[in-house]
Amino acid sequence: MMVQCLELDRLIGDAMVDHEAWYEIHSILDQRRKLVESEQKRLVSMQQMITSEQAMMLITAMIDTVKRNVPDRNAIAAISADITRLITQDVR
């Protein structure tokens, strides 16, 4: 009878260790899931932004388009001044 109780205690102890191990595995998997979701959101949001270099290339291309399509030099000068003012405001 005593041997059976010791065996039963050992089996219960083993089951508790297994249960704790599975709980830890579940917890780690849940943490990983949250990290993957956060990383996915970060990657998606990065696609919504452009670098300052890309922004400057876009502005340069727009200025070139205005210069090619607007014959009035005064208008081009006014547009260039406005763009310069906008750029310097963003830097401050």
PDB file of N, CA and C in Angstrom:
ATOM      1  N   MET A   1       0.816  -1.199   0.000  1.00  0.00           N
ATOM      2  CA  MET A   1       0.000   0.000   0.000  1.00  0.00           C
ATOM      3  C   MET A   1       0.860   1.263   0.000  1.00  0.00           C
ATOM      4  N   MET A   2       1.924   1.250   0.791  1.00  0.00           N
ATOM      5  CA  MET A   2       2.820   2.387   0.879  1.00  0.00           C
ATOM      6  C   MET A   2       3.530   2.612  -0.459  1.00  0.00           C
ATOM      7  N   VAL A   3       3.894   1.516  -1.141  1.00  0.00           N
ATOM      8  CA  VAL A   3       4.565   1.616  -2.429  1.00  0.00           C
ATOM      9  C   VAL A   3       3.623   2.233  -3.451  1.00  0.00           C
ATOM     10  N   GLN A   4       2.357   1.862  -3.390  1.00  0.00           N
ATOM     11  CA  GLN A   4       1.374   2.414  -4.319  1.00  0.00           C
ATOM     12  C   GLN A   4       1.191   3.919  -4.086  1.00  0.00           C
ATOM     13  N   CYS A   5       1.203   4.362  -2.840  1.00  0.00           N
ATOM     14  CA  CYS A   5       1.071   5.800  -2.536  1.00  0.00           C
ATOM     15  C   CYS A   5       2.282   6.569  -3.050  1.00  0.00           C
ATOM     16  N   LEU A   6       3.476   5.979  -2.865  1.00  0.00           N
ATOM     17  CA  LEU A   6       4.685   6.641  -3.368  1.00  0.00           C
ATOM     18  C   LEU A   6       4.644   6.739  -4.887  1.00  0.00           C
ATOM     19  N   GLU A   7       4.198   5.659  -5.530  1.00  0.00           N
ATOM     20  CA  GLU A   7       4.088   5.665  -6.992  1.00  0.00           C
ATOM     21  C   GLU A   7       3.060   6.702  -7.442  1.00  0.00           C
ATOM     22  N   LEU A   8       1.953   6.775  -6.745  1.00  0.00           N
ATOM     23  CA  LEU A   8       0.908   7.752  -7.069  1.00  0.00           C
ATOM     24  C   LEU A   8       1.425   9.177  -6.876  1.00  0.00           C
ATOM     25  N   ASP A   9       2.155   9.422  -5.792  1.00  0.00           N
ATOM     26  CA  ASP A   9       2.748  10.753  -5.548  1.00  0.00           C
ATOM     27  C   ASP A   9       3.717  11.119  -6.667  1.00  0.00           C
ATOM     28  N   ARG A  10       4.527  10.151  -7.115  1.00  0.00           N
ATOM     29  CA  ARG A  10       5.480  10.396  -8.190  1.00  0.00           C
ATOM     30  C   ARG A  10       4.748  10.734  -9.492  1.00  0.00           C
ATOM     31  N   LEU A  11       3.698   9.984  -9.794  1.00  0.00           N
ATOM     32  CA  LEU A  11       2.928  10.237 -11.018  1.00  0.00           C
ATOM     33  C   LEU A  11       2.264  11.613 -10.982  1.00  0.00           C
ATOM     34  N   ILE A  12       1.733  11.964  -9.836  1.00  0.00           N
ATOM     35  CA  ILE A  12       1.101  13.289  -9.694  1.00  0.00           C
ATOM     36  C   ILE A  12       2.154  14.383  -9.847  1.00  0.00           C
ATOM     37  N   GLY A  13       3.315  14.186  -9.244  1.00  0.00           N
ATOM     38  CA  GLY A  13       4.409  15.154  -9.375  1.00  0.00           C
ATOM     39  C   GLY A  13       4.846  15.305 -10.821  1.00  0.00           C
ATOM     40  N   ASP A  14       4.977  14.178 -11.532  1.00  0.00           N
ATOM     41  CA  ASP A  14       5.335  14.224 -12.960  1.00  0.00           C
ATOM     42  C   ASP A  14       4.285  14.976 -13.765  1.00  0.00           C
ATOM     43  N   ALA A  15       3.019  14.727 -13.459  1.00  0.00           N
ATOM     44  CA  ALA A  15       1.931  15.401 -14.171  1.00  0.00           C
ATOM     45  C   ALA A  15       1.973  16.904 -13.917  1.00  0.00           C
ATOM     46  N   MET A  16       2.291  17.305 -12.693  1.00  0.00           N
ATOM     47  CA  MET A  16       2.367  18.732 -12.371  1.00  0.00           C
ATOM     48  C   MET A  16       3.518  19.399 -13.137  1.00  0.00           C
ATOM     49  N   VAL A  17       4.652  18.692 -13.222  1.00  0.00           N
ATOM     50  CA  VAL A  17       5.790  19.231 -13.966  1.00  0.00           C
ATOM     51  C   VAL A  17       5.413  19.386 -15.438  1.00  0.00           C
ATOM     52  N   ASP A  18       4.742  18.380 -16.001  1.00  0.00           N
ATOM     53  CA  ASP A  18       4.293  18.455 -17.390  1.00  0.00           C
ATOM     54  C   ASP A  18       3.339  19.626 -17.589  1.00  0.00           C
ATOM     55  N   HIS A  19       2.402  19.774 -16.656  1.00  0.00           N
ATOM     56  CA  HIS A  19       1.414  20.864 -16.750  1.00  0.00           C
ATOM     57  C   HIS A  19       2.122  22.219 -16.739  1.00  0.00           C
ATOM     58  N   GLU A  20       3.088  22.393 -15.842  1.00  0.00           N
ATOM     59  CA  GLU A  20       3.830  23.656 -15.766  1.00  0.00           C
ATOM     60  C   GLU A  20       4.624  23.908 -17.050  1.00  0.00           C
ATOM     61  N   ALA A  21       5.205  22.838 -17.602  1.00  0.00           N
ATOM     62  CA  ALA A  21       5.966  22.988 -18.850  1.00  0.00           C
ATOM     63  C   ALA A  21       5.039  23.418 -19.981  1.00  0.00           C
ATOM     64  N   TRP A  22       3.862  22.817 -20.091  1.00  0.00           N
ATOM     65  CA  TRP A  22       2.918  23.195 -21.151  1.00  0.00           C
ATOM     66  C   TRP A  22       2.401  24.616 -20.940  1.00  0.00           C
ATOM     67  N   TYR A  23       2.211  25.023 -19.691  1.00  0.00           N
ATOM     68  CA  TYR A  23       1.775  26.387 -19.403  1.00  0.00           C
ATOM     69  C   TYR A  23       2.847  27.378 -19.875  1.00  0.00           C
ATOM     70  N   GLU A  24       4.108  27.066 -19.596  1.00  0.00           N
ATOM     71  CA  GLU A  24       5.202  27.944 -20.027  1.00  0.00           C
ATOM     72  C   GLU A  24       5.294  27.991 -21.550  1.00  0.00           C
ATOM     73  N   ILE A  25       5.133  26.861 -22.210  1.00  0.00           N
ATOM     74  CA  ILE A  25       5.152  26.823 -23.675  1.00  0.00           C
ATOM     75  C   ILE A  25       4.035  27.697 -24.235  1.00  0.00           C
ATOM     76  N   HIS A  26       2.836  27.562 -23.668  1.00  0.00           N
ATOM     77  CA  HIS A  26       1.697  28.377 -24.114  1.00  0.00           C
ATOM     78  C   HIS A  26       1.989  29.867 -23.925  1.00  0.00           C
ATOM     79  N   SER A  27       2.569  30.221 -22.796  1.00  0.00           N
ATOM     80  CA  SER A  27       2.891  31.620 -22.503  1.00  0.00           C
ATOM     81  C   SER A  27       3.908  32.170 -23.501  1.00  0.00           C
ATOM     82  N   ILE A  28       4.934  31.381 -23.789  1.00  0.00           N
ATOM     83  CA  ILE A  28       5.963  31.819 -24.732  1.00  0.00           C
ATOM     84  C   ILE A  28       5.383  31.951 -26.142  1.00  0.00           C
ATOM     85  N   LEU A  29       4.528  31.005 -26.530  1.00  0.00           N
ATOM     86  CA  LEU A  29       3.890  31.095 -27.852  1.00  0.00           C
ATOM     87  C   LEU A  29       3.015  32.343 -27.954  1.00  0.00           C
ATOM     88  N   ASP A  30       2.319  32.678 -26.877  1.00  0.00           N
ATOM     89  CA  ASP A  30       1.475  33.876 -26.869  1.00  0.00           C
ATOM     90  C   ASP A  30       2.337  35.133 -26.980  1.00  0.00           C
ATOM     91  N   GLN A  31       3.468  35.160 -26.284  1.00  0.00           N
ATOM     92  CA  GLN A  31       4.387  36.298 -26.405  1.00  0.00           C
ATOM     93  C   GLN A  31       4.892  36.425 -27.838  1.00  0.00           C
ATOM     94  N   ARG A  32       5.246  35.302 -28.440  1.00  0.00           N
ATOM     95  CA  ARG A  32       5.740  35.325 -29.817  1.00  0.00           C
ATOM     96  C   ARG A  32       4.665  35.846 -30.763  1.00  0.00           C
ATOM     97  N   ARG A  33       3.422  35.404 -30.565  1.00  0.00           N
ATOM     98  CA  ARG A  33       2.316  35.866 -31.402  1.00  0.00           C
ATOM     99  C   ARG A  33       2.173  37.385 -31.307  1.00  0.00           C
ATOM    100  N   LYS A  34       2.243  37.922 -30.098  1.00  0.00           N
ATOM    101  CA  LYS A  34       2.119  39.370 -29.909  1.00  0.00           C
ATOM    102  C   LYS A  34       3.271  40.120 -30.581  1.00  0.00           C
ATOM    103  N   LEU A  35       4.484  39.570 -30.464  1.00  0.00           N
ATOM    104  CA  LEU A  35       5.627  40.206 -31.117  1.00  0.00           C
ATOM    105  C   LEU A  35       5.492  40.190 -32.633  1.00  0.00           C
ATOM    106  N   VAL A  36       5.028  39.081 -33.179  1.00  0.00           N
ATOM    107  CA  VAL A  36       4.835  38.979 -34.629  1.00  0.00           C
ATOM    108  C   VAL A  36       3.789  39.991 -35.090  1.00  0.00           C
ATOM    109  N   GLU A  37       2.699  40.116 -34.333  1.00  0.00           N
ATOM    110  CA  GLU A  37       1.662  41.087 -34.697  1.00  0.00           C
ATOM    111  C   GLU A  37       2.205  42.516 -34.639  1.00  0.00           C
ATOM    112  N   SER A  38       2.978  42.818 -33.606  1.00  0.00           N
ATOM    113  CA  SER A  38       3.565  44.158 -33.487  1.00  0.00           C
ATOM    114  C   SER A  38       4.519  44.443 -34.637  1.00  0.00           C
ATOM    115  N   GLU A  39       5.335  43.465 -34.981  1.00  0.00           N
ATOM    116  CA  GLU A  39       6.280  43.640 -36.084  1.00  0.00           C
ATOM    117  C   GLU A  39       5.532  43.832 -37.396  1.00  0.00           C
ATOM    118  N   GLN A  40       4.460  43.089 -37.584  1.00  0.00           N
ATOM    119  CA  GLN A  40       3.651  43.238 -38.806  1.00  0.00           C
ATOM    120  C   GLN A  40       3.073  44.648 -38.895  1.00  0.00           C
ATOM    121  N   LYS A  41       2.548  45.154 -37.793  1.00  0.00           N
ATOM    122  CA  LYS A  41       1.999  46.516 -37.769  1.00  0.00           C
ATOM    123  C   LYS A  41       3.096  47.546 -38.068  1.00  0.00           C
ATOM    124  N   ARG A  42       4.289  47.315 -37.508  1.00  0.00           N
ATOM    125  CA  ARG A  42       5.406  48.235 -37.739  1.00  0.00           C
ATOM    126  C   ARG A  42       5.797  48.244 -39.218  1.00  0.00           C
ATOM    127  N   LEU A  43       5.863  47.072 -39.807  1.00  0.00           N
ATOM    128  CA  LEU A  43       6.231  46.988 -41.223  1.00  0.00           C
ATOM    129  C   LEU A  43       5.182  47.656 -42.108  1.00  0.00           C
ATOM    130  N   VAL A  44       3.914  47.467 -41.773  1.00  0.00           N
ATOM    131  CA  VAL A  44       2.840  48.100 -42.541  1.00  0.00           C
ATOM    132  C   VAL A  44       2.930  49.620 -42.411  1.00  0.00           C
ATOM    133  N   SER A  45       3.157  50.105 -41.203  1.00  0.00           N
ATOM    134  CA  SER A  45       3.206  51.562 -41.011  1.00  0.00           C
ATOM    135  C   SER A  45       4.425  52.173 -41.699  1.00  0.00           C
ATOM    136  N   MET A  46       5.511  51.424 -41.797  1.00  0.00           N
ATOM    137  CA  MET A  46       6.695  51.946 -42.475  1.00  0.00           C
ATOM    138  C   MET A  46       6.420  52.197 -43.952  1.00  0.00           C
ATOM    139  N   GLN A  47       5.528  51.435 -44.537  1.00  0.00           N
ATOM    140  CA  GLN A  47       5.214  51.628 -45.948  1.00  0.00           C
ATOM    141  C   GLN A  47       4.446  52.930 -46.171  1.00  0.00           C
ATOM    142  N   GLN A  48       3.935  53.534 -45.133  1.00  0.00           N
ATOM    143  CA  GLN A  48       3.163  54.762 -45.235  1.00  0.00           C
ATOM    144  C   GLN A  48       4.049  56.000 -45.124  1.00  0.00           C
ATOM    145  N   MET A  49       5.322  55.805 -44.918  1.00  0.00           N
ATOM    146  CA  MET A  49       6.230  56.927 -44.744  1.00  0.00           C
ATOM    147  C   MET A  49       7.289  56.895 -45.832  1.00  0.00           C
ATOM    148  N   ILE A  50       7.819  58.079 -46.098  1.00  0.00           N
ATOM    149  CA  ILE A  50       8.929  58.150 -47.039  1.00  0.00           C
ATOM    150  C   ILE A  50      10.119  58.768 -46.313  1.00  0.00           C
ATOM    151  N   THR A  51      11.296  58.487 -46.800  1.00  0.00           N
ATOM    152  CA  THR A  51      12.492  59.069 -46.197  1.00  0.00           C
ATOM    153  C   THR A  51      12.606  60.528 -46.613  1.00  0.00           C
ATOM    154  N   SER A  52      13.424  61.267 -45.897  1.00  0.00           N
ATOM    155  CA  SER A  52      13.633  62.669 -46.270  1.00  0.00           C
ATOM    156  C   SER A  52      14.279  62.761 -47.654  1.00  0.00           C
ATOM    157  N   GLU A  53      15.120  61.794 -47.979  1.00  0.00           N
ATOM    158  CA  GLU A  53      15.731  61.778 -49.314  1.00  0.00           C
ATOM    159  C   GLU A  53      14.658  61.594 -50.395  1.00  0.00           C
ATOM    160  N   GLN A  54      13.714  60.691 -50.160  1.00  0.00           N
ATOM    161  CA  GLN A  54      12.629  60.484 -51.127  1.00  0.00           C
ATOM    162  C   GLN A  54      11.763  61.729 -51.252  1.00  0.00           C
ATOM    163  N   ALA A  55      11.517  62.414 -50.125  1.00  0.00           N
ATOM    164  CA  ALA A  55      10.716  63.641 -50.152  1.00  0.00           C
ATOM    165  C   ALA A  55      11.414  64.723 -50.973  1.00  0.00           C
ATOM    166  N   MET A  56      12.719  64.847 -50.781  1.00  0.00           N
ATOM    167  CA  MET A  56      13.469  65.851 -51.550  1.00  0.00           C
ATOM    168  C   MET A  56      13.471  65.510 -53.042  1.00  0.00           C
ATOM    169  N   MET A  57      13.571  64.232 -53.377  1.00  0.00           N
ATOM    170  CA  MET A  57      13.519  63.836 -54.783  1.00  0.00           C
ATOM    171  C   MET A  57      12.152  64.170 -55.384  1.00  0.00           C
ATOM    172  N   LEU A  58      11.102  63.966 -54.614  1.00  0.00           N
ATOM    173  CA  LEU A  58       9.747  64.288 -55.073  1.00  0.00           C
ATOM    174  C   LEU A  58       9.601  65.790 -55.297  1.00  0.00           C
ATOM    175  N   ILE A  59      10.085  66.589 -54.364  1.00  0.00           N
ATOM    176  CA  ILE A  59      10.004  68.050 -54.506  1.00  0.00           C
ATOM    177  C   ILE A  59      10.796  68.507 -55.720  1.00  0.00           C
ATOM    178  N   THR A  60      11.990  67.952 -55.914  1.00  0.00           N
ATOM    179  CA  THR A  60      12.811  68.313 -57.071  1.00  0.00           C
ATOM    180  C   THR A  60      12.093  67.968 -58.363  1.00  0.00           C
ATOM    181  N   ALA A  61      11.473  66.796 -58.417  1.00  0.00           N
ATOM    182  CA  ALA A  61      10.739  66.391 -59.616  1.00  0.00           C
ATOM    183  C   ALA A  61       9.555  67.319 -59.863  1.00  0.00           C
ATOM    184  N   MET A  62       8.871  67.743 -58.802  1.00  0.00           N
ATOM    185  CA  MET A  62       7.736  68.658 -58.963  1.00  0.00           C
ATOM    186  C   MET A  62       8.209  70.020 -59.473  1.00  0.00           C
ATOM    187  N   ILE A  63       9.323  70.508 -58.945  1.00  0.00           N
ATOM    188  CA  ILE A  63       9.863  71.794 -59.405  1.00  0.00           C
ATOM    189  C   ILE A  63      10.248  71.704 -60.874  1.00  0.00           C
ATOM    190  N   ASP A  64      10.885  70.605 -61.250  1.00  0.00           N
ATOM    191  CA  ASP A  64      11.251  70.420 -62.667  1.00  0.00           C
ATOM    192  C   ASP A  64      10.010  70.415 -63.559  1.00  0.00           C
ATOM    193  N   THR A  65       8.937  69.779 -63.100  1.00  0.00           N
ATOM    194  CA  THR A  65       7.694  69.751 -63.867  1.00  0.00           C
ATOM    195  C   THR A  65       7.121  71.156 -64.026  1.00  0.00           C
ATOM    196  N   VAL A  66       7.132  71.922 -62.953  1.00  0.00           N
ATOM    197  CA  VAL A  66       6.632  73.301 -63.022  1.00  0.00           C
ATOM    198  C   VAL A  66       7.480  74.109 -64.006  1.00  0.00           C
ATOM    199  N   LYS A  67       8.789  73.978 -63.921  1.00  0.00           N
ATOM    200  CA  LYS A  67       9.680  74.738 -64.816  1.00  0.00           C
ATOM    201  C   LYS A  67       9.435  74.383 -66.288  1.00  0.00           C
ATOM    202  N   ARG A  68       9.162  73.117 -66.556  1.00  0.00           N
ATOM    203  CA  ARG A  68       8.926  72.709 -67.949  1.00  0.00           C
ATOM    204  C   ARG A  68       7.557  73.169 -68.466  1.00  0.00           C
ATOM    205  N   ASN A  69       6.579  73.296 -67.581  1.00  0.00           N
ATOM    206  CA  ASN A  69       5.212  73.524 -68.035  1.00  0.00           C
ATOM    207  C   ASN A  69       4.659  74.919 -67.758  1.00  0.00           C
ATOM    208  N   VAL A  70       5.365  75.717 -66.993  1.00  0.00           N
ATOM    209  CA  VAL A  70       4.889  77.073 -66.702  1.00  0.00           C
ATOM    210  C   VAL A  70       5.841  78.056 -67.389  1.00  0.00           C
ATOM    211  N   PRO A  71       5.337  78.760 -68.396  1.00  0.00           N
ATOM    212  CA  PRO A  71       6.212  79.674 -69.141  1.00  0.00           C
ATOM    213  C   PRO A  71       6.528  80.970 -68.380  1.00  0.00           C
ATOM    214  N   ASP A  72       5.688  81.366 -67.457  1.00  0.00           N
ATOM    215  CA  ASP A  72       5.853  82.633 -66.744  1.00  0.00           C
ATOM    216  C   ASP A  72       6.946  82.511 -65.676  1.00  0.00           C
ATOM    217  N   ARG A  73       8.066  83.231 -65.889  1.00  0.00           N
ATOM    218  CA  ARG A  73       9.195  83.158 -64.962  1.00  0.00           C
ATOM    219  C   ARG A  73       8.836  83.699 -63.574  1.00  0.00           C
ATOM    220  N   ASN A  74       7.971  84.698 -63.519  1.00  0.00           N
ATOM    221  CA  ASN A  74       7.556  85.243 -62.217  1.00  0.00           C
ATOM    222  C   ASN A  74       6.762  84.195 -61.437  1.00  0.00           C
ATOM    223  N   ALA A  75       5.911  83.458 -62.126  1.00  0.00           N
ATOM    224  CA  ALA A  75       5.141  82.402 -61.475  1.00  0.00           C
ATOM    225  C   ALA A  75       6.079  81.306 -60.960  1.00  0.00           C
ATOM    226  N   ILE A  76       7.067  80.954 -61.770  1.00  0.00           N
ATOM    227  CA  ILE A  76       8.036  79.927 -61.350  1.00  0.00           C
ATOM    228  C   ILE A  76       8.797  80.401 -60.109  1.00  0.00           C
ATOM    229  N   ALA A  77       9.202  81.662 -60.100  1.00  0.00           N
ATOM    230  CA  ALA A  77       9.932  82.208 -58.952  1.00  0.00           C
ATOM    231  C   ALA A  77       9.059  82.190 -57.695  1.00  0.00           C
ATOM    232  N   ALA A  78       7.780  82.541 -57.839  1.00  0.00           N
ATOM    233  CA  ALA A  78       6.864  82.550 -56.694  1.00  0.00           C
ATOM    234  C   ALA A  78       6.645  81.130 -56.169  1.00  0.00           C
ATOM    235  N   ILE A  79       6.475  80.182 -57.088  1.00  0.00           N
ATOM    236  CA  ILE A  79       6.289  78.782 -56.684  1.00  0.00           C
ATOM    237  C   ILE A  79       7.542  78.273 -55.971  1.00  0.00           C
ATOM    238  N   SER A  80       8.701  78.563 -56.516  1.00  0.00           N
ATOM    239  CA  SER A  80       9.968  78.137 -55.896  1.00  0.00           C
ATOM    240  C   SER A  80      10.123  78.739 -54.496  1.00  0.00           C
ATOM    241  N   ALA A  81       9.763  80.017 -54.348  1.00  0.00           N
ATOM    242  CA  ALA A  81       9.854  80.671 -53.039  1.00  0.00           C
ATOM    243  C   ALA A  81       8.907  80.016 -52.040  1.00  0.00           C
ATOM    244  N   ASP A  82       7.694  79.699 -52.483  1.00  0.00           N
ATOM    245  CA  ASP A  82       6.732  79.031 -51.599  1.00  0.00           C
ATOM    246  C   ASP A  82       7.245  77.655 -51.168  1.00  0.00           C
ATOM    247  N   ILE A  83       7.779  76.915 -52.110  1.00  0.00           N
ATOM    248  CA  ILE A  83       8.293  75.578 -51.781  1.00  0.00           C
ATOM    249  C   ILE A  83       9.473  75.679 -50.819  1.00  0.00           C
ATOM    250  N   THR A  84      10.352  76.633 -51.069  1.00  0.00           N
ATOM    251  CA  THR A  84      11.492  76.834 -50.166  1.00  0.00           C
ATOM    252  C   THR A  84      11.015  77.184 -48.765  1.00  0.00           C
ATOM    253  N   ARG A  85      10.011  78.047 -48.684  1.00  0.00           N
ATOM    254  CA  ARG A  85       9.450  78.434 -47.384  1.00  0.00           C
ATOM    255  C   ARG A  85       8.849  77.212 -46.675  1.00  0.00           C
ATOM    256  N   LEU A  86       8.132  76.359 -47.416  1.00  0.00           N
ATOM    257  CA  LEU A  86       7.563  75.151 -46.831  1.00  0.00           C
ATOM    258  C   LEU A  86       8.626  74.190 -46.311  1.00  0.00           C
ATOM    259  N   ILE A  87       9.685  74.045 -47.100  1.00  0.00           N
ATOM    260  CA  ILE A  87      10.761  73.137 -46.706  1.00  0.00           C
ATOM    261  C   ILE A  87      11.458  73.620 -45.451  1.00  0.00           C
ATOM    262  N   THR A  88      11.740  74.923 -45.393  1.00  0.00           N
ATOM    263  CA  THR A  88      12.457  75.441 -44.222  1.00  0.00           C
ATOM    264  C   THR A  88      11.586  75.443 -42.978  1.00  0.00           C
ATOM    265  N   GLN A  89      10.273  75.559 -43.124  1.00  0.00           N
ATOM    266  CA  GLN A  89       9.372  75.456 -41.973  1.00  0.00           C
ATOM    267  C   GLN A  89       9.394  74.046 -41.411  1.00  0.00           C
ATOM    268  N   ASP A  90       9.418  73.011 -42.254  1.00  0.00           N
ATOM    269  CA  ASP A  90       9.433  71.625 -41.808  1.00  0.00           C
ATOM    270  C   ASP A  90      10.714  71.279 -41.085  1.00  0.00           C
ATOM    271  N   VAL A  91      11.821  71.909 -41.483  1.00  0.00           N
ATOM    272  CA  VAL A  91      13.109  71.611 -40.871  1.00  0.00           C
ATOM    273  C   VAL A  91      13.154  72.145 -39.447  1.00  0.00           C
ATOM    274  N   ARG A  92      12.565  73.308 -39.231  1.00  0.00           N
ATOM    275  CA  ARG A  92      12.580  73.914 -37.888  1.00  0.00           C
ATOM    276  C   ARG A  92      11.740  73.099 -37.015  1.00  0.00           C
TER     277      ARG A  92
END
